């Protein structure tokens, strides 16, 4: 098996392991992080629908380093969730460690009023 395929399988297993430990009765905040942008979605798994989403591509007026941008994205997503009437969610970090930009996004969600 090639090294690329092993790495891809390891990534998929890690994300599935993290996701399997989450509670299914609350909406889930899913995070995707690329080299230059960060994306977050609020997903209702029961109905299989995206309730709200936010990304660094949408908000152009944010300045600062990547962690500051992630924090602002978290606050904006929390505001959009409050507009939909959601105050409690679970945080799905996926394959990423809870560190750096992912942690900043979670802190922004909490400061915005979303209970994780």
N, C-alpha and C. Protein backbone atom coordinates (compact mmCIF):
# COMPACT_ATOMS: atom_id res chain seq x y z
N UNK A 1 0.85 -1.17 0.00
CA UNK A 1 0.00 0.00 0.00
C UNK A 1 0.90 1.24 0.00
N UNK A 2 0.53 2.22 -0.76
CA UNK A 2 1.36 3.42 -0.86
C UNK A 2 1.26 4.28 0.39
N UNK A 3 2.25 5.10 0.60
CA UNK A 3 2.28 5.98 1.77
C UNK A 3 1.14 6.98 1.74
N UNK A 4 0.82 7.47 0.55
CA UNK A 4 -0.27 8.43 0.40
C UNK A 4 -1.60 7.82 0.81
N UNK A 5 -1.82 6.59 0.42
CA UNK A 5 -3.08 5.92 0.74
C UNK A 5 -3.18 5.62 2.24
N UNK A 6 -2.06 5.22 2.85
CA UNK A 6 -2.04 4.97 4.29
C UNK A 6 -2.36 6.25 5.06
N UNK A 7 -1.77 7.35 4.63
CA UNK A 7 -2.02 8.64 5.30
C UNK A 7 -3.48 9.04 5.17
N UNK A 8 -4.06 8.85 4.00
CA UNK A 8 -5.47 9.20 3.79
C UNK A 8 -6.37 8.33 4.66
N UNK A 9 -6.07 7.05 4.76
CA UNK A 9 -6.89 6.16 5.58
C UNK A 9 -6.77 6.52 7.06
N UNK A 10 -5.58 6.89 7.49
CA UNK A 10 -5.36 7.28 8.88
C UNK A 10 -6.15 8.54 9.21
N UNK A 11 -6.21 9.49 8.27
CA UNK A 11 -6.96 10.72 8.46
C UNK A 11 -8.45 10.44 8.57
N UNK A 12 -8.96 9.57 7.72
CA UNK A 12 -10.38 9.22 7.75
C UNK A 12 -10.74 8.51 9.05
N UNK A 13 -9.88 7.60 9.50
CA UNK A 13 -10.12 6.88 10.76
C UNK A 13 -10.13 7.84 11.94
N UNK A 14 -9.20 8.81 11.96
CA UNK A 14 -9.13 9.76 13.06
C UNK A 14 -10.39 10.61 13.12
N UNK A 15 -10.86 11.10 11.99
CA UNK A 15 -12.08 11.90 11.95
C UNK A 15 -13.28 11.08 12.39
N UNK A 16 -13.36 9.82 11.97
CA UNK A 16 -14.48 8.96 12.36
C UNK A 16 -14.44 8.66 13.85
N UNK A 17 -13.24 8.49 14.40
CA UNK A 17 -13.11 8.21 15.83
C UNK A 17 -13.57 9.39 16.66
N UNK A 18 -13.20 10.60 16.25
CA UNK A 18 -13.62 11.81 16.97
C UNK A 18 -15.13 11.98 16.85
N UNK A 19 -15.66 11.80 15.66
CA UNK A 19 -17.09 12.01 15.42
C UNK A 19 -17.94 10.97 16.13
N UNK A 20 -17.42 9.76 16.33
CA UNK A 20 -18.21 8.71 16.97
C UNK A 20 -18.45 8.99 18.44
N UNK A 21 -17.64 9.83 19.06
CA UNK A 21 -17.78 10.13 20.48
C UNK A 21 -18.71 11.31 20.75
N UNK A 22 -19.22 11.94 19.71
CA UNK A 22 -20.10 13.10 19.87
C UNK A 22 -21.53 12.65 20.13
N UNK A 23 -22.26 13.48 20.85
CA UNK A 23 -23.68 13.22 21.09
C UNK A 23 -24.47 13.60 19.86
N UNK A 24 -25.46 12.81 19.52
CA UNK A 24 -26.23 13.02 18.30
C UNK A 24 -27.50 13.86 18.50
N UNK A 25 -27.83 14.22 19.74
CA UNK A 25 -29.09 14.92 19.97
C UNK A 25 -28.96 16.44 19.83
N UNK A 26 -27.75 16.95 19.63
CA UNK A 26 -27.53 18.39 19.49
C UNK A 26 -26.94 18.69 18.12
N UNK A 27 -27.11 19.91 17.63
CA UNK A 27 -26.44 20.28 16.38
C UNK A 27 -24.92 20.21 16.55
N UNK A 28 -24.23 20.01 15.45
CA UNK A 28 -22.78 19.80 15.47
C UNK A 28 -22.10 20.92 14.70
N UNK A 29 -21.03 21.46 15.27
CA UNK A 29 -20.21 22.46 14.59
C UNK A 29 -19.03 21.73 13.97
N UNK A 30 -19.00 21.69 12.65
CA UNK A 30 -17.95 20.99 11.92
C UNK A 30 -16.95 22.01 11.39
N UNK A 31 -15.66 21.68 11.49
CA UNK A 31 -14.59 22.60 11.12
C UNK A 31 -13.79 22.01 9.97
N UNK A 32 -13.46 22.86 8.99
CA UNK A 32 -12.50 22.51 7.95
C UNK A 32 -11.47 23.61 7.90
N UNK A 33 -10.22 23.21 7.86
CA UNK A 33 -9.13 24.16 7.89
C UNK A 33 -8.23 23.88 6.69
N UNK A 34 -8.02 24.91 5.87
CA UNK A 34 -7.06 24.79 4.77
C UNK A 34 -5.83 25.62 5.14
N UNK A 35 -4.89 25.71 4.25
CA UNK A 35 -3.67 26.46 4.56
C UNK A 35 -3.94 27.95 4.75
N UNK A 36 -4.88 28.49 4.00
CA UNK A 36 -5.10 29.93 4.09
C UNK A 36 -6.48 30.33 4.61
N UNK A 37 -7.43 29.42 4.70
CA UNK A 37 -8.78 29.77 5.14
C UNK A 37 -9.28 28.77 6.17
N UNK A 38 -10.38 29.15 6.83
CA UNK A 38 -11.04 28.26 7.78
C UNK A 38 -12.55 28.34 7.54
N UNK A 39 -13.21 27.21 7.65
CA UNK A 39 -14.63 27.10 7.38
C UNK A 39 -15.30 26.41 8.56
N UNK A 40 -16.51 26.81 8.90
CA UNK A 40 -17.26 26.18 9.98
C UNK A 40 -18.73 26.09 9.58
N UNK A 41 -19.37 24.97 9.93
CA UNK A 41 -20.78 24.76 9.64
C UNK A 41 -21.48 24.27 10.89
N UNK A 42 -22.71 24.67 11.04
CA UNK A 42 -23.58 24.15 12.09
C UNK A 42 -24.54 23.19 11.40
N UNK A 43 -24.44 21.89 11.75
CA UNK A 43 -25.15 20.84 11.04
C UNK A 43 -26.14 20.15 11.98
N UNK A 44 -27.35 19.92 11.48
CA UNK A 44 -28.34 19.11 12.20
C UNK A 44 -28.29 17.72 11.58
N UNK A 45 -27.74 16.76 12.31
CA UNK A 45 -27.57 15.41 11.78
C UNK A 45 -28.88 14.65 11.65
N UNK A 46 -29.87 14.99 12.46
CA UNK A 46 -31.15 14.30 12.38
C UNK A 46 -31.84 14.57 11.05
N UNK A 47 -31.82 15.83 10.61
CA UNK A 47 -32.45 16.20 9.35
C UNK A 47 -31.45 16.22 8.19
N UNK A 48 -30.17 16.05 8.49
CA UNK A 48 -29.09 16.09 7.50
C UNK A 48 -29.11 17.39 6.72
N UNK A 49 -29.16 18.51 7.48
CA UNK A 49 -29.19 19.84 6.87
C UNK A 49 -28.16 20.74 7.55
N UNK A 50 -27.62 21.65 6.78
CA UNK A 50 -26.74 22.68 7.32
C UNK A 50 -27.61 23.83 7.80
N UNK A 51 -27.49 24.19 9.07
CA UNK A 51 -28.30 25.25 9.65
C UNK A 51 -27.68 26.61 9.37
N UNK A 52 -26.38 26.72 9.60
CA UNK A 52 -25.67 27.97 9.38
C UNK A 52 -24.22 27.64 9.03
N UNK A 53 -23.58 28.54 8.31
CA UNK A 53 -22.18 28.34 7.97
C UNK A 53 -21.48 29.69 7.90
N UNK A 54 -20.17 29.65 8.01
CA UNK A 54 -19.37 30.86 7.94
C UNK A 54 -17.95 30.47 7.54
N UNK A 55 -17.29 31.33 6.80
CA UNK A 55 -15.92 31.05 6.40
C UNK A 55 -15.14 32.34 6.29
N UNK A 56 -13.84 32.20 6.23
CA UNK A 56 -12.98 33.37 6.11
C UNK A 56 -13.06 33.98 4.71
N UNK A 57 -13.63 33.28 3.77
CA UNK A 57 -13.85 33.84 2.44
C UNK A 57 -14.98 34.86 2.44
N UNK A 58 -15.97 34.66 3.31
CA UNK A 58 -17.12 35.56 3.37
C UNK A 58 -16.77 36.90 4.01
N UNK A 59 -16.02 36.85 5.09
CA UNK A 59 -15.72 38.06 5.85
C UNK A 59 -14.39 38.63 5.40
N UNK A 60 -14.42 39.63 4.55
CA UNK A 60 -13.21 40.20 3.97
C UNK A 60 -12.60 41.30 4.83
N UNK A 61 -13.39 41.90 5.74
CA UNK A 61 -12.90 43.04 6.50
C UNK A 61 -12.14 42.65 7.76
N UNK A 62 -11.86 41.36 7.95
CA UNK A 62 -11.13 40.89 9.13
C UNK A 62 -9.64 41.02 8.85
N UNK A 63 -8.93 41.56 9.83
CA UNK A 63 -7.48 41.65 9.70
C UNK A 63 -6.82 40.95 10.88
N UNK A 64 -5.56 40.67 10.76
CA UNK A 64 -4.82 40.00 11.82
C UNK A 64 -4.29 38.66 11.34
N UNK A 65 -3.74 37.91 12.26
CA UNK A 65 -3.21 36.61 11.90
C UNK A 65 -4.34 35.59 11.75
N UNK A 66 -3.99 34.37 11.40
CA UNK A 66 -4.99 33.35 11.12
C UNK A 66 -5.81 32.98 12.35
N UNK A 67 -5.19 33.04 13.53
CA UNK A 67 -5.93 32.73 14.76
C UNK A 67 -6.97 33.80 15.05
N UNK A 68 -6.65 35.06 14.79
CA UNK A 68 -7.62 36.14 14.99
C UNK A 68 -8.78 36.00 14.01
N UNK A 69 -8.49 35.60 12.79
CA UNK A 69 -9.54 35.39 11.79
C UNK A 69 -10.44 34.24 12.22
N UNK A 70 -9.85 33.16 12.72
CA UNK A 70 -10.64 32.01 13.18
C UNK A 70 -11.54 32.41 14.35
N UNK A 71 -11.03 33.23 15.26
CA UNK A 71 -11.82 33.71 16.39
C UNK A 71 -13.03 34.51 15.90
N UNK A 72 -12.81 35.39 14.91
CA UNK A 72 -13.90 36.19 14.35
C UNK A 72 -14.92 35.32 13.63
N UNK A 73 -14.47 34.28 12.96
CA UNK A 73 -15.39 33.35 12.28
C UNK A 73 -16.26 32.65 13.33
N UNK A 74 -15.67 32.26 14.45
CA UNK A 74 -16.42 31.63 15.52
C UNK A 74 -17.49 32.55 16.09
N UNK A 75 -17.15 33.80 16.30
CA UNK A 75 -18.13 34.75 16.82
C UNK A 75 -19.26 34.98 15.83
N UNK A 76 -18.93 35.06 14.55
CA UNK A 76 -19.96 35.27 13.52
C UNK A 76 -20.88 34.05 13.41
N UNK A 77 -20.33 32.85 13.47
CA UNK A 77 -21.16 31.65 13.40
C UNK A 77 -22.05 31.54 14.63
N UNK A 78 -21.55 31.92 15.79
CA UNK A 78 -22.37 31.91 17.01
C UNK A 78 -23.53 32.89 16.87
N UNK A 79 -23.27 34.05 16.26
CA UNK A 79 -24.33 35.03 16.05
C UNK A 79 -25.40 34.48 15.10
N UNK A 80 -24.97 33.81 14.04
CA UNK A 80 -25.91 33.22 13.08
C UNK A 80 -26.71 32.08 13.72
N UNK A 81 -26.07 31.33 14.61
CA UNK A 81 -26.78 30.26 15.32
C UNK A 81 -27.82 30.83 16.27
N UNK A 82 -27.50 31.93 16.94
CA UNK A 82 -28.46 32.58 17.84
C UNK A 82 -29.67 33.07 17.05
N UNK A 83 -29.45 33.56 15.84
CA UNK A 83 -30.57 34.02 15.00
C UNK A 83 -31.49 32.85 14.63
N UNK A 84 -30.93 31.64 14.51
CA UNK A 84 -31.73 30.45 14.20
C UNK A 84 -32.35 29.83 15.46
N UNK A 85 -32.03 30.39 16.63
CA UNK A 85 -32.60 29.89 17.88
C UNK A 85 -31.82 28.74 18.50
N UNK A 86 -30.55 28.63 18.17
CA UNK A 86 -29.71 27.54 18.70
C UNK A 86 -28.72 28.13 19.69
N UNK A 87 -28.69 27.56 20.89
CA UNK A 87 -27.75 28.05 21.90
C UNK A 87 -26.80 26.97 22.39
N UNK A 88 -27.04 25.70 22.05
CA UNK A 88 -26.20 24.59 22.49
C UNK A 88 -25.82 23.74 21.29
N UNK A 89 -24.55 23.38 21.20
CA UNK A 89 -24.07 22.53 20.10
C UNK A 89 -22.88 21.72 20.60
N UNK A 90 -22.49 20.73 19.81
CA UNK A 90 -21.27 19.98 20.09
C UNK A 90 -20.22 20.36 19.06
N UNK A 91 -18.96 20.34 19.46
CA UNK A 91 -17.86 20.78 18.61
C UNK A 91 -17.19 19.57 17.99
N UNK A 92 -17.20 19.50 16.67
CA UNK A 92 -16.57 18.41 15.92
C UNK A 92 -15.30 18.95 15.28
N UNK A 93 -14.17 18.64 15.87
CA UNK A 93 -12.90 19.13 15.35
C UNK A 93 -12.41 18.30 14.17
N UNK A 94 -13.05 17.16 13.93
CA UNK A 94 -12.68 16.32 12.79
C UNK A 94 -11.31 15.73 12.97
N UNK A 95 -10.47 15.86 11.96
CA UNK A 95 -9.13 15.28 11.99
C UNK A 95 -8.10 16.19 12.62
N UNK A 96 -8.49 17.42 12.99
CA UNK A 96 -7.55 18.41 13.46
C UNK A 96 -7.41 18.37 14.98
N UNK A 97 -6.22 18.66 15.46
CA UNK A 97 -5.98 18.77 16.90
C UNK A 97 -6.68 20.01 17.44
N UNK A 98 -7.09 19.95 18.70
CA UNK A 98 -7.70 21.10 19.35
C UNK A 98 -6.57 22.03 19.78
N UNK A 99 -6.08 22.79 18.81
CA UNK A 99 -4.92 23.64 19.03
C UNK A 99 -4.88 24.68 17.93
N UNK A 100 -4.37 25.86 18.21
CA UNK A 100 -4.18 26.87 17.19
C UNK A 100 -5.49 27.45 16.69
N UNK A 101 -5.68 27.40 15.37
CA UNK A 101 -6.86 28.01 14.76
C UNK A 101 -8.15 27.31 15.15
N UNK A 102 -8.12 26.00 15.32
CA UNK A 102 -9.32 25.26 15.71
C UNK A 102 -9.75 25.67 17.12
N UNK A 103 -8.78 25.80 18.01
CA UNK A 103 -9.08 26.23 19.38
C UNK A 103 -9.60 27.66 19.39
N UNK A 104 -9.02 28.54 18.58
CA UNK A 104 -9.48 29.94 18.50
C UNK A 104 -10.91 30.01 17.99
N UNK A 105 -11.25 29.17 17.03
CA UNK A 105 -12.62 29.15 16.51
C UNK A 105 -13.59 28.73 17.61
N UNK A 106 -13.24 27.71 18.40
CA UNK A 106 -14.08 27.25 19.49
C UNK A 106 -14.25 28.35 20.56
N UNK A 107 -13.17 29.07 20.85
CA UNK A 107 -13.25 30.15 21.83
C UNK A 107 -14.15 31.28 21.32
N UNK A 108 -14.08 31.56 20.01
CA UNK A 108 -14.97 32.56 19.41
C UNK A 108 -16.42 32.15 19.48
N UNK A 109 -16.69 30.86 19.29
CA UNK A 109 -18.05 30.36 19.42
C UNK A 109 -18.58 30.56 20.83
N UNK A 110 -17.74 30.24 21.81
CA UNK A 110 -18.15 30.40 23.22
C UNK A 110 -18.37 31.86 23.57
N UNK A 111 -17.48 32.73 23.10
CA UNK A 111 -17.65 34.15 23.42
C UNK A 111 -18.87 34.73 22.71
N UNK A 112 -19.22 34.18 21.56
CA UNK A 112 -20.40 34.63 20.84
C UNK A 112 -21.71 34.18 21.47
N UNK A 113 -21.64 33.30 22.46
CA UNK A 113 -22.86 32.89 23.16
C UNK A 113 -23.30 31.47 22.91
N UNK A 114 -22.54 30.71 22.13
CA UNK A 114 -22.90 29.33 21.85
C UNK A 114 -22.26 28.44 22.91
N UNK A 115 -23.06 27.58 23.51
CA UNK A 115 -22.57 26.71 24.56
C UNK A 115 -22.12 25.40 23.95
N UNK A 116 -20.82 25.09 24.08
CA UNK A 116 -20.26 23.87 23.49
C UNK A 116 -20.08 22.82 24.57
